[in-house]
PDB file of N, CA and C in Angstrom:
ATOM      1  N   UNK A   1      19.416  22.220 -32.187  1.00  0.00           N
ATOM      2  CA  UNK A   1      19.875  22.773 -30.922  1.00  0.00           C
ATOM      3  C   UNK A   1      18.679  23.351 -30.171  1.00  0.00           C
ATOM      4  N   UNK A   2      18.573  23.010 -28.883  1.00  0.00           N
ATOM      5  CA  UNK A   2      17.437  23.495 -28.114  1.00  0.00           C
ATOM      6  C   UNK A   2      17.669  24.919 -27.631  1.00  0.00           C
ATOM      7  N   UNK A   3      16.570  25.624 -27.451  1.00  0.00           N
ATOM      8  CA  UNK A   3      16.644  27.000 -26.967  1.00  0.00           C
ATOM      9  C   UNK A   3      16.947  26.995 -25.479  1.00  0.00           C
ATOM     10  N   UNK A   4      17.550  28.100 -25.032  1.00  0.00           N
ATOM     11  CA  UNK A   4      17.928  28.211 -23.632  1.00  0.00           C
ATOM     12  C   UNK A   4      17.411  29.528 -23.057  1.00  0.00           C
ATOM     13  N   UNK A   5      17.172  29.517 -21.766  1.00  0.00           N
ATOM     14  CA  UNK A   5      16.865  30.733 -21.020  1.00  0.00           C
ATOM     15  C   UNK A   5      17.922  30.852 -19.934  1.00  0.00           C
ATOM     16  N   UNK A   6      18.426  32.058 -19.725  1.00  0.00           N
ATOM     17  CA  UNK A   6      19.415  32.234 -18.663  1.00  0.00           C
ATOM     18  C   UNK A   6      19.067  33.435 -17.800  1.00  0.00           C
ATOM     19  N   UNK A   7      19.502  33.360 -16.550  1.00  0.00           N
ATOM     20  CA  UNK A   7      19.275  34.433 -15.586  1.00  0.00           C
ATOM     21  C   UNK A   7      20.404  34.455 -14.576  1.00  0.00           C
ATOM     22  N   UNK A   8      20.653  35.622 -14.016  1.00  0.00           N
ATOM     23  CA  UNK A   8      21.595  35.750 -12.912  1.00  0.00           C
ATOM     24  C   UNK A   8      20.855  35.741 -11.565  1.00  0.00           C
ATOM     25  N   UNK A   9      19.529  35.766 -11.588  1.00  0.00           N
ATOM     26  CA  UNK A   9      18.715  35.899 -10.380  1.00  0.00           C
ATOM     27  C   UNK A   9      18.560  34.547  -9.668  1.00  0.00           C
ATOM     28  N   UNK A  10      19.101  34.459  -8.464  1.00  0.00           N
ATOM     29  CA  UNK A  10      19.054  33.209  -7.699  1.00  0.00           C
ATOM     30  C   UNK A  10      17.625  32.821  -7.334  1.00  0.00           C
ATOM     31  N   UNK A  11      16.789  33.787  -6.983  1.00  0.00           N
ATOM     32  CA  UNK A  11      15.406  33.485  -6.634  1.00  0.00           C
ATOM     33  C   UNK A  11      14.626  32.914  -7.799  1.00  0.00           C
ATOM     34  N   UNK A  12      14.792  33.518  -8.966  1.00  0.00           N
ATOM     35  CA  UNK A  12      14.119  33.013 -10.166  1.00  0.00           C
ATOM     36  C   UNK A  12      14.631  31.629 -10.515  1.00  0.00           C
ATOM     37  N   UNK A  13      15.944  31.445 -10.459  1.00  0.00           N
ATOM     38  CA  UNK A  13      16.521  30.139 -10.778  1.00  0.00           C
ATOM     39  C   UNK A  13      16.004  29.070  -9.819  1.00  0.00           C
ATOM     40  N   UNK A  14      15.913  29.403  -8.545  1.00  0.00           N
ATOM     41  CA  UNK A  14      15.406  28.444  -7.560  1.00  0.00           C
ATOM     42  C   UNK A  14      13.947  28.110  -7.831  1.00  0.00           C
ATOM     43  N   UNK A  15      13.165  29.118  -8.188  1.00  0.00           N
ATOM     44  CA  UNK A  15      11.753  28.889  -8.505  1.00  0.00           C
ATOM     45  C   UNK A  15      11.609  27.986  -9.723  1.00  0.00           C
ATOM     46  N   UNK A  16      12.374  28.266 -10.775  1.00  0.00           N
ATOM     47  CA  UNK A  16      12.293  27.435 -11.982  1.00  0.00           C
ATOM     48  C   UNK A  16      12.698  25.993 -11.679  1.00  0.00           C
ATOM     49  N   UNK A  17      13.740  25.815 -10.884  1.00  0.00           N
ATOM     50  CA  UNK A  17      14.163  24.471 -10.504  1.00  0.00           C
ATOM     51  C   UNK A  17      13.074  23.778  -9.691  1.00  0.00           C
ATOM     52  N   UNK A  18      12.448  24.508  -8.797  1.00  0.00           N
ATOM     53  CA  UNK A  18      11.370  23.955  -7.975  1.00  0.00           C
ATOM     54  C   UNK A  18      10.179  23.540  -8.834  1.00  0.00           C
ATOM     55  N   UNK A  19       9.962  24.252  -9.929  1.00  0.00           N
ATOM     56  CA  UNK A  19       8.854  23.931 -10.842  1.00  0.00           C
ATOM     57  C   UNK A  19       9.266  22.936 -11.922  1.00  0.00           C
ATOM     58  N   UNK A  20      10.409  22.294 -11.717  1.00  0.00           N
ATOM     59  CA  UNK A  20      10.894  21.201 -12.566  1.00  0.00           C
ATOM     60  C   UNK A  20      11.363  21.616 -13.953  1.00  0.00           C
ATOM     61  N   UNK A  21      11.811  22.855 -14.103  1.00  0.00           N
ATOM     62  CA  UNK A  21      12.472  23.226 -15.349  1.00  0.00           C
ATOM     63  C   UNK A  21      13.889  22.690 -15.294  1.00  0.00           C
ATOM     64  N   UNK A  22      14.400  22.283 -16.436  1.00  0.00           N
ATOM     65  CA  UNK A  22      15.702  21.617 -16.495  1.00  0.00           C
ATOM     66  C   UNK A  22      16.844  22.624 -16.478  1.00  0.00           C
ATOM     67  N   UNK A  23      17.652  22.557 -15.432  1.00  0.00           N
ATOM     68  CA  UNK A  23      18.856  23.383 -15.334  1.00  0.00           C
ATOM     69  C   UNK A  23      19.950  22.701 -16.138  1.00  0.00           C
ATOM     70  N   UNK A  24      20.447  23.394 -17.165  1.00  0.00           N
ATOM     71  CA  UNK A  24      21.453  22.816 -18.054  1.00  0.00           C
ATOM     72  C   UNK A  24      22.856  23.027 -17.506  1.00  0.00           C
ATOM     73  N   UNK A  25      23.140  24.257 -17.080  1.00  0.00           N
ATOM     74  CA  UNK A  25      24.480  24.537 -16.584  1.00  0.00           C
ATOM     75  C   UNK A  25      24.515  25.821 -15.777  1.00  0.00           C
ATOM     76  N   UNK A  26      25.627  25.998 -15.071  1.00  0.00           N
ATOM     77  CA  UNK A  26      25.942  27.234 -14.389  1.00  0.00           C
ATOM     78  C   UNK A  26      27.165  27.808 -15.082  1.00  0.00           C
ATOM     79  N   UNK A  27      27.024  29.010 -15.618  1.00  0.00           N
ATOM     80  CA  UNK A  27      28.143  29.669 -16.294  1.00  0.00           C
ATOM     81  C   UNK A  27      28.807  30.628 -15.321  1.00  0.00           C
ATOM     82  N   UNK A  28      30.030  30.319 -14.955  1.00  0.00           N
ATOM     83  CA  UNK A  28      30.772  31.155 -14.011  1.00  0.00           C
ATOM     84  C   UNK A  28      31.822  31.952 -14.773  1.00  0.00           C
ATOM     85  N   UNK A  29      31.367  32.940 -15.521  1.00  0.00           N
ATOM     86  CA  UNK A  29      32.296  33.756 -16.311  1.00  0.00           C
ATOM     87  C   UNK A  29      32.890  34.888 -15.496  1.00  0.00           C
ATOM     88  N   UNK A  30      32.272  35.204 -14.385  1.00  0.00           N
ATOM     89  CA  UNK A  30      32.720  36.273 -13.506  1.00  0.00           C
ATOM     90  C   UNK A  30      32.759  35.698 -12.092  1.00  0.00           C
ATOM     91  N   UNK A  31      33.838  35.929 -11.340  1.00  0.00           N
ATOM     92  CA  UNK A  31      33.912  35.353  -9.986  1.00  0.00           C
ATOM     93  C   UNK A  31      32.785  35.801  -9.060  1.00  0.00           C
ATOM     94  N   UNK A  32      32.138  36.913  -9.378  1.00  0.00           N
ATOM     95  CA  UNK A  32      31.083  37.435  -8.514  1.00  0.00           C
ATOM     96  C   UNK A  32      29.675  37.178  -9.036  1.00  0.00           C
ATOM     97  N   UNK A  33      29.564  36.628 -10.240  1.00  0.00           N
ATOM     98  CA  UNK A  33      28.247  36.374 -10.831  1.00  0.00           C
ATOM     99  C   UNK A  33      28.236  35.004 -11.492  1.00  0.00           C
ATOM    100  N   UNK A  34      27.088  34.368 -11.401  1.00  0.00           N
ATOM    101  CA  UNK A  34      26.885  33.095 -12.094  1.00  0.00           C
ATOM    102  C   UNK A  34      25.589  33.178 -12.871  1.00  0.00           C
ATOM    103  N   UNK A  35      25.640  32.718 -14.107  1.00  0.00           N
ATOM    104  CA  UNK A  35      24.438  32.674 -14.949  1.00  0.00           C
ATOM    105  C   UNK A  35      23.863  31.263 -14.863  1.00  0.00           C
ATOM    106  N   UNK A  36      22.568  31.187 -14.530  1.00  0.00           N
ATOM    107  CA  UNK A  36      21.852  29.919 -14.481  1.00  0.00           C
ATOM    108  C   UNK A  36      21.204  29.711 -15.842  1.00  0.00           C
ATOM    109  N   UNK A  37      21.515  28.605 -16.500  1.00  0.00           N
ATOM    110  CA  UNK A  37      21.020  28.349 -17.848  1.00  0.00           C
ATOM    111  C   UNK A  37      20.043  27.173 -17.801  1.00  0.00           C
ATOM    112  N   UNK A  38      18.819  27.437 -18.263  1.00  0.00           N
ATOM    113  CA  UNK A  38      17.758  26.440 -18.278  1.00  0.00           C
ATOM    114  C   UNK A  38      17.381  26.089 -19.716  1.00  0.00           C
ATOM    115  N   UNK A  39      16.914  24.877 -19.902  1.00  0.00           N
ATOM    116  CA  UNK A  39      16.330  24.494 -21.185  1.00  0.00           C
ATOM    117  C   UNK A  39      15.004  25.232 -21.304  1.00  0.00           C
ATOM    118  N   UNK A  40      14.813  25.905 -22.421  1.00  0.00           N
ATOM    119  CA  UNK A  40      13.585  26.665 -22.620  1.00  0.00           C
ATOM    120  C   UNK A  40      12.470  25.732 -23.069  1.00  0.00           C
ATOM    121  N   UNK A  41      11.417  25.683 -22.282  1.00  0.00           N
ATOM    122  CA  UNK A  41      10.255  24.891 -22.664  1.00  0.00           C
ATOM    123  C   UNK A  41       9.129  25.835 -23.043  1.00  0.00           C
ATOM    124  N   UNK A  42       8.044  25.287 -23.523  1.00  0.00           N
ATOM    125  CA  UNK A  42       6.966  26.081 -24.081  1.00  0.00           C
ATOM    126  C   UNK A  42       6.396  27.170 -23.189  1.00  0.00           C
ATOM    127  N   UNK A  43       6.327  26.933 -21.890  1.00  0.00           N
ATOM    128  CA  UNK A  43       5.665  27.901 -21.027  1.00  0.00           C
ATOM    129  C   UNK A  43       6.613  28.610 -20.064  1.00  0.00           C
ATOM    130  N   UNK A  44       7.911  28.525 -20.265  1.00  0.00           N
ATOM    131  CA  UNK A  44       8.865  29.124 -19.323  1.00  0.00           C
ATOM    132  C   UNK A  44       8.707  30.650 -19.250  1.00  0.00           C
ATOM    133  N   UNK A  45       8.437  31.292 -20.378  1.00  0.00           N
ATOM    134  CA  UNK A  45       8.276  32.754 -20.358  1.00  0.00           C
ATOM    135  C   UNK A  45       7.055  33.177 -19.545  1.00  0.00           C
ATOM    136  N   UNK A  46       5.988  32.414 -19.636  1.00  0.00           N
ATOM    137  CA  UNK A  46       4.792  32.696 -18.836  1.00  0.00           C
ATOM    138  C   UNK A  46       5.105  32.510 -17.347  1.00  0.00           C
ATOM    139  N   UNK A  47       5.848  31.462 -17.026  1.00  0.00           N
ATOM    140  CA  UNK A  47       6.232  31.212 -15.641  1.00  0.00           C
ATOM    141  C   UNK A  47       7.093  32.351 -15.106  1.00  0.00           C
ATOM    142  N   UNK A  48       8.019  32.830 -15.927  1.00  0.00           N
ATOM    143  CA  UNK A  48       8.887  33.947 -15.524  1.00  0.00           C
ATOM    144  C   UNK A  48       8.047  35.193 -15.260  1.00  0.00           C
ATOM    145  N   UNK A  49       7.092  35.487 -16.128  1.00  0.00           N
ATOM    146  CA  UNK A  49       6.205  36.635 -15.914  1.00  0.00           C
ATOM    147  C   UNK A  49       5.415  36.488 -14.618  1.00  0.00           C
ATOM    148  N   UNK A  50       4.927  35.278 -14.347  1.00  0.00           N
ATOM    149  CA  UNK A  50       4.197  35.033 -13.096  1.00  0.00           C
ATOM    150  C   UNK A  50       5.116  35.239 -11.889  1.00  0.00           C
ATOM    151  N   UNK A  51       6.374  34.834 -12.029  1.00  0.00           N
ATOM    152  CA  UNK A  51       7.341  35.033 -10.943  1.00  0.00           C
ATOM    153  C   UNK A  51       7.493  36.524 -10.630  1.00  0.00           C
ATOM    154  N   UNK A  52       7.759  37.321 -11.666  1.00  0.00           N
ATOM    155  CA  UNK A  52       7.984  38.756 -11.450  1.00  0.00           C
ATOM    156  C   UNK A  52       6.722  39.476 -10.989  1.00  0.00           C
ATOM    157  N   UNK A  53       5.556  38.921 -11.292  1.00  0.00           N
ATOM    158  CA  UNK A  53       4.290  39.522 -10.844  1.00  0.00           C
ATOM    159  C   UNK A  53       3.813  38.941  -9.515  1.00  0.00           C
ATOM    160  N   UNK A  54       4.669  38.137  -8.881  1.00  0.00           N
ATOM    161  CA  UNK A  54       4.354  37.526  -7.580  1.00  0.00           C
ATOM    162  C   UNK A  54       3.079  36.695  -7.644  1.00  0.00           C
ATOM    163  N   UNK A  55       2.952  35.895  -8.697  1.00  0.00           N
ATOM    164  CA  UNK A  55       1.756  35.085  -8.912  1.00  0.00           C
ATOM    165  C   UNK A  55       2.051  33.590  -8.869  1.00  0.00           C
ATOM    166  N   UNK A  56       3.150  33.199  -8.227  1.00  0.00           N
ATOM    167  CA  UNK A  56       3.527  31.783  -8.171  1.00  0.00           C
ATOM    168  C   UNK A  56       3.515  31.319  -6.726  1.00  0.00           C
ATOM    169  N   UNK A  57       2.986  30.133  -6.522  1.00  0.00           N
ATOM    170  CA  UNK A  57       3.031  29.499  -5.214  1.00  0.00           C
ATOM    171  C   UNK A  57       3.770  28.181  -5.372  1.00  0.00           C
ATOM    172  N   UNK A  58       4.782  27.996  -4.530  1.00  0.00           N
ATOM    173  CA  UNK A  58       5.538  26.739  -4.542  1.00  0.00           C
ATOM    174  C   UNK A  58       5.654  26.237  -3.106  1.00  0.00           C
ATOM    175  N   UNK A  59       5.988  24.978  -2.985  1.00  0.00           N
ATOM    176  CA  UNK A  59       6.237  24.393  -1.673  1.00  0.00           C
ATOM    177  C   UNK A  59       7.460  25.053  -1.044  1.00  0.00           C
ATOM    178  N   UNK A  60       7.297  25.551   0.164  1.00  0.00           N
ATOM    179  CA  UNK A  60       8.409  26.212   0.860  1.00  0.00           C
ATOM    180  C   UNK A  60       9.571  25.251   1.074  1.00  0.00           C
ATOM    181  N   UNK A  61       9.281  24.019   1.448  1.00  0.00           N
ATOM    182  CA  UNK A  61      10.336  23.046   1.695  1.00  0.00           C
ATOM    183  C   UNK A  61      11.095  22.715   0.412  1.00  0.00           C
ATOM    184  N   UNK A  62      10.376  22.527  -0.687  1.00  0.00           N
ATOM    185  CA  UNK A  62      11.025  22.253  -1.973  1.00  0.00           C
ATOM    186  C   UNK A  62      11.871  23.434  -2.421  1.00  0.00           C
ATOM    187  N   UNK A  63      11.345  24.647  -2.257  1.00  0.00           N
ATOM    188  CA  UNK A  63      12.094  25.843  -2.625  1.00  0.00           C
ATOM    189  C   UNK A  63      13.390  25.925  -1.828  1.00  0.00           C
ATOM    190  N   UNK A  64      13.301  25.731  -0.517  1.00  0.00           N
ATOM    191  CA  UNK A  64      14.479  25.810   0.330  1.00  0.00           C
ATOM    192  C   UNK A  64      15.505  24.742  -0.031  1.00  0.00           C
ATOM    193  N   UNK A  65      15.043  23.517  -0.269  1.00  0.00           N
ATOM    194  CA  UNK A  65      15.966  22.437  -0.652  1.00  0.00           C
ATOM    195  C   UNK A  65      16.649  22.739  -1.981  1.00  0.00           C
ATOM    196  N   UNK A  66      15.902  23.294  -2.935  1.00  0.00           N
ATOM    197  CA  UNK A  66      16.498  23.653  -4.222  1.00  0.00           C
ATOM    198  C   UNK A  66      17.457  24.834  -4.086  1.00  0.00           C
ATOM    199  N   UNK A  67      17.160  25.761  -3.195  1.00  0.00           N
ATOM    200  CA  UNK A  67      18.071  26.870  -2.931  1.00  0.00           C
ATOM    201  C   UNK A  67      19.391  26.344  -2.370  1.00  0.00           C
ATOM    202  N   UNK A  68      19.318  25.411  -1.430  1.00  0.00           N
ATOM    203  CA  UNK A  68      20.535  24.803  -0.885  1.00  0.00           C
ATOM    204  C   UNK A  68      21.316  24.076  -1.976  1.00  0.00           C
ATOM    205  N   UNK A  69      20.615  23.373  -2.842  1.00  0.00           N
ATOM    206  CA  UNK A  69      21.272  22.657  -3.939  1.00  0.00           C
ATOM    207  C   UNK A  69      22.006  23.621  -4.857  1.00  0.00           C
ATOM    208  N   UNK A  70      21.342  24.711  -5.245  1.00  0.00           N
ATOM    209  CA  UNK A  70      21.986  25.690  -6.116  1.00  0.00           C
ATOM    210  C   UNK A  70      23.183  26.344  -5.440  1.00  0.00           C
ATOM    211  N   UNK A  71      23.053  26.685  -4.178  1.00  0.00           N
ATOM    212  CA  UNK A  71      24.181  27.288  -3.463  1.00  0.00           C
ATOM    213  C   UNK A  71      25.350  26.315  -3.358  1.00  0.00           C
ATOM    214  N   UNK A  72      25.063  25.043  -3.120  1.00  0.00           N
ATOM    215  CA  UNK A  72      26.132  24.039  -3.093  1.00  0.00           C
ATOM    216  C   UNK A  72      26.852  23.984  -4.436  1.00  0.00           C
ATOM    217  N   UNK A  73      26.090  24.026  -5.509  1.00  0.00           N
ATOM    218  CA  UNK A  73      26.706  24.017  -6.850  1.00  0.00           C
ATOM    219  C   UNK A  73      27.478  25.301  -7.107  1.00  0.00           C
ATOM    220  N   UNK A  74      26.969  26.417  -6.643  1.00  0.00           N
ATOM    221  CA  UNK A  74      27.657  27.700  -6.827  1.00  0.00           C
ATOM    222  C   UNK A  74      29.042  27.696  -6.177  1.00  0.00           C
ATOM    223  N   UNK A  75      29.099  27.138  -4.984  1.00  0.00           N
ATOM    224  CA  UNK A  75      30.335  27.208  -4.211  1.00  0.00           C
ATOM    225  C   UNK A  75      31.238  25.992  -4.372  1.00  0.00           C
ATOM    226  N   UNK A  76      30.805  25.023  -5.181  1.00  0.00           N
ATOM    227  CA  UNK A  76      31.686  23.876  -5.443  1.00  0.00           C
ATOM    228  C   UNK A  76      32.675  24.256  -6.554  1.00  0.00           C
ATOM    229  N   UNK A  77      33.746  23.541  -6.635  1.00  0.00           N
ATOM    230  CA  UNK A  77      34.791  23.844  -7.602  1.00  0.00           C
ATOM    231  C   UNK A  77      34.364  23.611  -9.045  1.00  0.00           C
ATOM    232  N   UNK A  78      33.531  22.600  -9.265  1.00  0.00           N
ATOM    233  CA  UNK A  78      33.184  22.243 -10.650  1.00  0.00           C
ATOM    234  C   UNK A  78      31.815  22.701 -11.090  1.00  0.00           C
ATOM    235  N   UNK A  79      31.023  23.352 -10.221  1.00  0.00           N
ATOM    236  CA  UNK A  79      29.726  23.909 -10.599  1.00  0.00           C
ATOM    237  C   UNK A  79      28.833  22.901 -11.189  1.00  0.00           C
TER     238      UNK A  79
END
């Protein structure tokens, strides 16, 4: 079984998706919160630390497109 990383933070989830980390699922256990679950790869923790330290640069267009994709999945019936 592969390891997983999860977060409720939409910005972090969008950044990870933009950096090509694999989004496994969206867990909608609470109507007001969704957990984004990613496959944990070797350097995901380092990437997360860089995110929180504001040390990541991504394409603005890719980030925005991935944000729209995640929001579409959030608000769709089947996630």
